[in-house]
N, C-alpha and C. Protein backbone atom coordinates (compact mmCIF):
# COMPACT_ATOMS: atom_id res chain seq x y z
N UNK A 1 -2.35 34.39 -1.62
CA UNK A 1 -2.87 33.18 -2.22
C UNK A 1 -3.53 32.34 -1.12
N UNK A 2 -4.66 31.73 -1.40
CA UNK A 2 -5.31 30.89 -0.38
C UNK A 2 -4.43 29.72 0.04
N UNK A 3 -4.64 29.30 1.28
CA UNK A 3 -3.92 28.14 1.83
C UNK A 3 -4.95 27.07 2.16
N UNK A 4 -4.53 25.81 1.98
CA UNK A 4 -5.42 24.68 2.18
C UNK A 4 -4.72 23.60 2.99
N UNK A 5 -5.51 22.81 3.71
CA UNK A 5 -5.01 21.61 4.35
C UNK A 5 -5.70 20.42 3.69
N UNK A 6 -4.90 19.43 3.34
CA UNK A 6 -5.40 18.24 2.67
C UNK A 6 -5.22 17.06 3.62
N UNK A 7 -6.29 16.36 3.90
CA UNK A 7 -6.20 15.11 4.67
C UNK A 7 -6.15 13.97 3.67
N UNK A 8 -5.10 13.16 3.76
CA UNK A 8 -4.92 12.05 2.84
C UNK A 8 -4.83 10.74 3.62
N UNK A 9 -5.34 9.67 3.05
CA UNK A 9 -5.12 8.32 3.57
C UNK A 9 -4.27 7.59 2.53
N UNK A 10 -3.13 7.11 2.99
CA UNK A 10 -2.16 6.49 2.09
C UNK A 10 -2.40 4.99 1.97
N UNK A 11 -2.03 4.48 0.79
CA UNK A 11 -2.00 3.03 0.61
C UNK A 11 -0.96 2.48 1.58
N UNK A 12 -0.86 1.20 1.67
CA UNK A 12 0.07 0.57 2.60
C UNK A 12 1.51 0.96 2.26
N UNK A 13 2.06 1.90 3.04
CA UNK A 13 3.40 2.42 2.78
C UNK A 13 4.30 2.21 3.98
N UNK A 14 5.54 1.80 3.73
CA UNK A 14 6.52 1.80 4.81
C UNK A 14 7.24 3.15 4.80
N UNK A 15 8.18 3.33 5.71
CA UNK A 15 8.84 4.63 5.84
C UNK A 15 9.56 5.05 4.56
N UNK A 16 10.24 4.13 3.91
CA UNK A 16 10.97 4.45 2.69
C UNK A 16 10.00 4.84 1.57
N UNK A 17 8.91 4.11 1.43
CA UNK A 17 7.93 4.43 0.39
C UNK A 17 7.28 5.78 0.64
N UNK A 18 7.08 6.13 1.92
CA UNK A 18 6.50 7.43 2.24
C UNK A 18 7.47 8.55 1.88
N UNK A 19 8.76 8.35 2.13
CA UNK A 19 9.77 9.34 1.74
C UNK A 19 9.81 9.51 0.22
N UNK A 20 9.71 8.39 -0.50
CA UNK A 20 9.70 8.45 -1.96
C UNK A 20 8.46 9.19 -2.46
N UNK A 21 7.32 8.96 -1.81
CA UNK A 21 6.09 9.65 -2.20
C UNK A 21 6.23 11.16 -1.97
N UNK A 22 6.86 11.55 -0.87
CA UNK A 22 7.08 12.97 -0.60
C UNK A 22 7.96 13.61 -1.66
N UNK A 23 9.03 12.93 -2.04
CA UNK A 23 9.92 13.46 -3.07
C UNK A 23 9.19 13.55 -4.41
N UNK A 24 8.39 12.53 -4.73
CA UNK A 24 7.63 12.53 -5.98
C UNK A 24 6.59 13.66 -5.97
N UNK A 25 5.94 13.87 -4.82
CA UNK A 25 4.96 14.94 -4.70
C UNK A 25 5.60 16.30 -4.98
N UNK A 26 6.75 16.52 -4.41
CA UNK A 26 7.46 17.79 -4.61
C UNK A 26 7.85 17.96 -6.08
N UNK A 27 8.37 16.90 -6.69
CA UNK A 27 8.79 16.96 -8.09
C UNK A 27 7.59 17.24 -9.01
N UNK A 28 6.48 16.54 -8.77
CA UNK A 28 5.28 16.76 -9.59
C UNK A 28 4.80 18.20 -9.46
N UNK A 29 4.82 18.73 -8.26
CA UNK A 29 4.38 20.12 -8.04
C UNK A 29 5.27 21.09 -8.81
N UNK A 30 6.57 20.90 -8.75
CA UNK A 30 7.50 21.80 -9.43
C UNK A 30 7.33 21.71 -10.95
N UNK A 31 7.22 20.47 -11.46
CA UNK A 31 7.18 20.27 -12.91
C UNK A 31 5.83 20.60 -13.54
N UNK A 32 4.73 20.27 -12.84
CA UNK A 32 3.41 20.38 -13.47
C UNK A 32 2.49 21.43 -12.86
N UNK A 33 2.76 21.80 -11.62
CA UNK A 33 1.86 22.71 -10.91
C UNK A 33 2.66 23.83 -10.23
N UNK A 34 3.31 24.68 -11.02
CA UNK A 34 4.17 25.72 -10.42
C UNK A 34 3.40 26.75 -9.60
N UNK A 35 2.08 26.76 -9.71
CA UNK A 35 1.29 27.73 -8.96
C UNK A 35 0.91 27.25 -7.57
N UNK A 36 1.34 26.03 -7.19
CA UNK A 36 1.10 25.58 -5.82
C UNK A 36 2.41 25.52 -5.05
N UNK A 37 2.32 25.62 -3.74
CA UNK A 37 3.50 25.57 -2.89
C UNK A 37 3.19 24.70 -1.67
N UNK A 38 3.98 23.65 -1.48
CA UNK A 38 3.85 22.75 -0.36
C UNK A 38 4.58 23.35 0.83
N UNK A 39 3.88 23.65 1.91
CA UNK A 39 4.49 24.25 3.09
C UNK A 39 5.06 23.19 4.03
N UNK A 40 4.22 22.26 4.45
CA UNK A 40 4.66 21.18 5.34
C UNK A 40 3.55 20.16 5.48
N UNK A 41 3.90 19.03 6.09
CA UNK A 41 2.92 17.96 6.33
C UNK A 41 3.15 17.35 7.70
N UNK A 42 2.07 16.84 8.28
CA UNK A 42 2.13 16.03 9.48
C UNK A 42 1.66 14.63 9.08
N UNK A 43 2.47 13.62 9.38
CA UNK A 43 2.12 12.24 9.05
C UNK A 43 1.75 11.54 10.35
N UNK A 44 0.60 10.88 10.35
CA UNK A 44 0.09 10.21 11.55
C UNK A 44 -0.38 8.81 11.19
N UNK A 45 -0.57 8.01 12.23
CA UNK A 45 -1.18 6.70 12.05
C UNK A 45 -2.48 6.72 12.83
N UNK A 46 -3.58 6.39 12.16
CA UNK A 46 -4.86 6.40 12.86
C UNK A 46 -5.03 5.12 13.67
N UNK A 47 -6.07 5.02 14.48
CA UNK A 47 -6.23 3.87 15.37
C UNK A 47 -6.26 2.51 14.67
N UNK A 48 -6.69 2.46 13.40
CA UNK A 48 -6.71 1.17 12.71
C UNK A 48 -5.41 0.89 11.96
N UNK A 49 -4.40 1.75 12.12
CA UNK A 49 -3.08 1.52 11.53
C UNK A 49 -2.89 2.13 10.16
N UNK A 50 -3.86 2.88 9.66
CA UNK A 50 -3.72 3.54 8.36
C UNK A 50 -2.84 4.77 8.49
N UNK A 51 -1.96 4.97 7.52
CA UNK A 51 -1.12 6.16 7.49
C UNK A 51 -1.92 7.29 6.86
N UNK A 52 -1.98 8.41 7.56
CA UNK A 52 -2.65 9.61 7.06
C UNK A 52 -1.65 10.76 7.08
N UNK A 53 -1.90 11.73 6.23
CA UNK A 53 -1.11 12.95 6.29
C UNK A 53 -2.04 14.14 6.21
N UNK A 54 -1.59 15.22 6.83
CA UNK A 54 -2.27 16.50 6.80
C UNK A 54 -1.27 17.48 6.20
N UNK A 55 -1.52 17.86 4.96
CA UNK A 55 -0.55 18.63 4.19
C UNK A 55 -1.07 20.05 3.97
N UNK A 56 -0.20 21.02 4.19
CA UNK A 56 -0.56 22.43 4.01
C UNK A 56 0.07 22.92 2.71
N UNK A 57 -0.79 23.48 1.87
CA UNK A 57 -0.37 24.02 0.57
C UNK A 57 -0.95 25.41 0.38
N UNK A 58 -0.24 26.22 -0.40
CA UNK A 58 -0.80 27.43 -0.98
C UNK A 58 -1.16 27.08 -2.41
N UNK A 59 -2.35 27.50 -2.84
CA UNK A 59 -2.80 27.18 -4.19
C UNK A 59 -3.90 28.16 -4.59
N UNK A 60 -4.07 28.37 -5.89
CA UNK A 60 -5.12 29.30 -6.32
C UNK A 60 -6.53 28.76 -6.05
N UNK A 61 -6.68 27.42 -6.07
CA UNK A 61 -7.98 26.81 -5.82
C UNK A 61 -7.80 25.33 -5.48
N UNK A 62 -8.76 24.71 -4.80
CA UNK A 62 -8.60 23.32 -4.39
C UNK A 62 -8.57 22.32 -5.54
N UNK A 63 -9.16 22.65 -6.68
CA UNK A 63 -9.15 21.70 -7.80
C UNK A 63 -7.73 21.44 -8.31
N UNK A 64 -6.86 22.43 -8.21
CA UNK A 64 -5.46 22.23 -8.62
C UNK A 64 -4.79 21.22 -7.67
N UNK A 65 -5.09 21.32 -6.40
CA UNK A 65 -4.53 20.38 -5.44
C UNK A 65 -5.06 18.97 -5.67
N UNK A 66 -6.32 18.83 -6.05
CA UNK A 66 -6.87 17.52 -6.34
C UNK A 66 -6.20 16.91 -7.57
N UNK A 67 -5.95 17.72 -8.59
CA UNK A 67 -5.25 17.21 -9.78
C UNK A 67 -3.83 16.76 -9.43
N UNK A 68 -3.15 17.55 -8.61
CA UNK A 68 -1.81 17.17 -8.16
C UNK A 68 -1.87 15.84 -7.42
N UNK A 69 -2.84 15.67 -6.53
CA UNK A 69 -2.99 14.42 -5.77
C UNK A 69 -3.29 13.26 -6.70
N UNK A 70 -4.13 13.47 -7.70
CA UNK A 70 -4.45 12.41 -8.65
C UNK A 70 -3.19 11.96 -9.39
N UNK A 71 -2.34 12.92 -9.78
CA UNK A 71 -1.08 12.59 -10.45
C UNK A 71 -0.14 11.84 -9.54
N UNK A 72 -0.15 12.17 -8.27
CA UNK A 72 0.73 11.52 -7.29
C UNK A 72 0.34 10.07 -7.08
N UNK A 73 -0.95 9.79 -6.92
CA UNK A 73 -1.41 8.42 -6.70
C UNK A 73 -1.01 7.88 -5.34
N UNK A 74 -1.24 6.60 -5.11
CA UNK A 74 -0.90 5.87 -3.89
C UNK A 74 -1.65 6.34 -2.65
N UNK A 75 -2.69 7.13 -2.82
CA UNK A 75 -3.43 7.60 -1.67
C UNK A 75 -4.82 8.08 -2.09
N UNK A 76 -5.63 8.34 -1.09
CA UNK A 76 -6.97 8.88 -1.29
C UNK A 76 -7.05 10.22 -0.57
N UNK A 77 -7.57 11.23 -1.25
CA UNK A 77 -7.80 12.52 -0.60
C UNK A 77 -9.12 12.44 0.14
N UNK A 78 -9.04 12.56 1.47
CA UNK A 78 -10.24 12.51 2.29
C UNK A 78 -11.01 13.83 2.22
N UNK A 79 -10.26 14.94 2.30
CA UNK A 79 -10.91 16.25 2.27
C UNK A 79 -9.84 17.33 2.03
N UNK A 80 -10.25 18.39 1.36
CA UNK A 80 -9.42 19.59 1.18
C UNK A 80 -10.20 20.75 1.77
N UNK A 81 -9.58 21.43 2.74
CA UNK A 81 -10.24 22.54 3.42
C UNK A 81 -9.40 23.81 3.30
N UNK A 82 -10.05 24.94 3.06
CA UNK A 82 -9.32 26.20 3.05
C UNK A 82 -9.00 26.61 4.48
N UNK A 83 -7.79 27.08 4.71
CA UNK A 83 -7.35 27.51 6.04
C UNK A 83 -7.83 28.95 6.26
N UNK A 84 -8.55 29.16 7.34
CA UNK A 84 -9.08 30.48 7.67
C UNK A 84 -8.04 31.34 8.40
N UNK A 85 -7.09 30.71 9.07
CA UNK A 85 -6.06 31.43 9.81
C UNK A 85 -5.23 30.48 10.62
N UNK A 86 -4.23 31.02 11.28
CA UNK A 86 -3.34 30.23 12.14
C UNK A 86 -3.26 30.87 13.51
N UNK A 87 -3.17 30.04 14.53
CA UNK A 87 -2.93 30.53 15.89
C UNK A 87 -1.91 29.63 16.55
N UNK A 88 -1.26 30.16 17.56
CA UNK A 88 -0.31 29.37 18.36
C UNK A 88 -0.40 29.87 19.80
N UNK A 89 0.18 29.13 20.73
CA UNK A 89 0.16 29.58 22.12
C UNK A 89 0.76 30.97 22.31
N UNK A 90 1.71 31.34 21.46
CA UNK A 90 2.32 32.66 21.57
C UNK A 90 1.35 33.80 21.29
N UNK A 91 0.22 33.49 20.64
CA UNK A 91 -0.79 34.50 20.37
C UNK A 91 -1.62 34.87 21.60
N UNK A 92 -1.44 34.12 22.68
CA UNK A 92 -2.26 34.31 23.88
C UNK A 92 -1.36 34.50 25.09
N UNK A 93 -1.07 35.75 25.42
CA UNK A 93 -0.18 36.01 26.54
C UNK A 93 -0.79 35.49 27.87
N UNK A 94 0.08 35.09 28.76
CA UNK A 94 -0.39 34.60 30.06
C UNK A 94 -0.41 35.70 31.09
């Protein structure tokens, strides 16, 4: 199944609200979008103080991920990109 990374910009959220959004995202995926799988996310703060996340999902197509994001609310999807592959330092022997 294709894998995607979603860059999101969140509304003004504190740590507790972000945890609640994560739990809600997982619940919505399980209940309404059983064909997607949330792998993990990286949450960052950009230079202007906006909370962003980079979320990795498996999904049949990006439109399903956009519908999931629309149902979740409290954020804007900046971009959804298909992942071409993964690399790590272990892939490059010294």
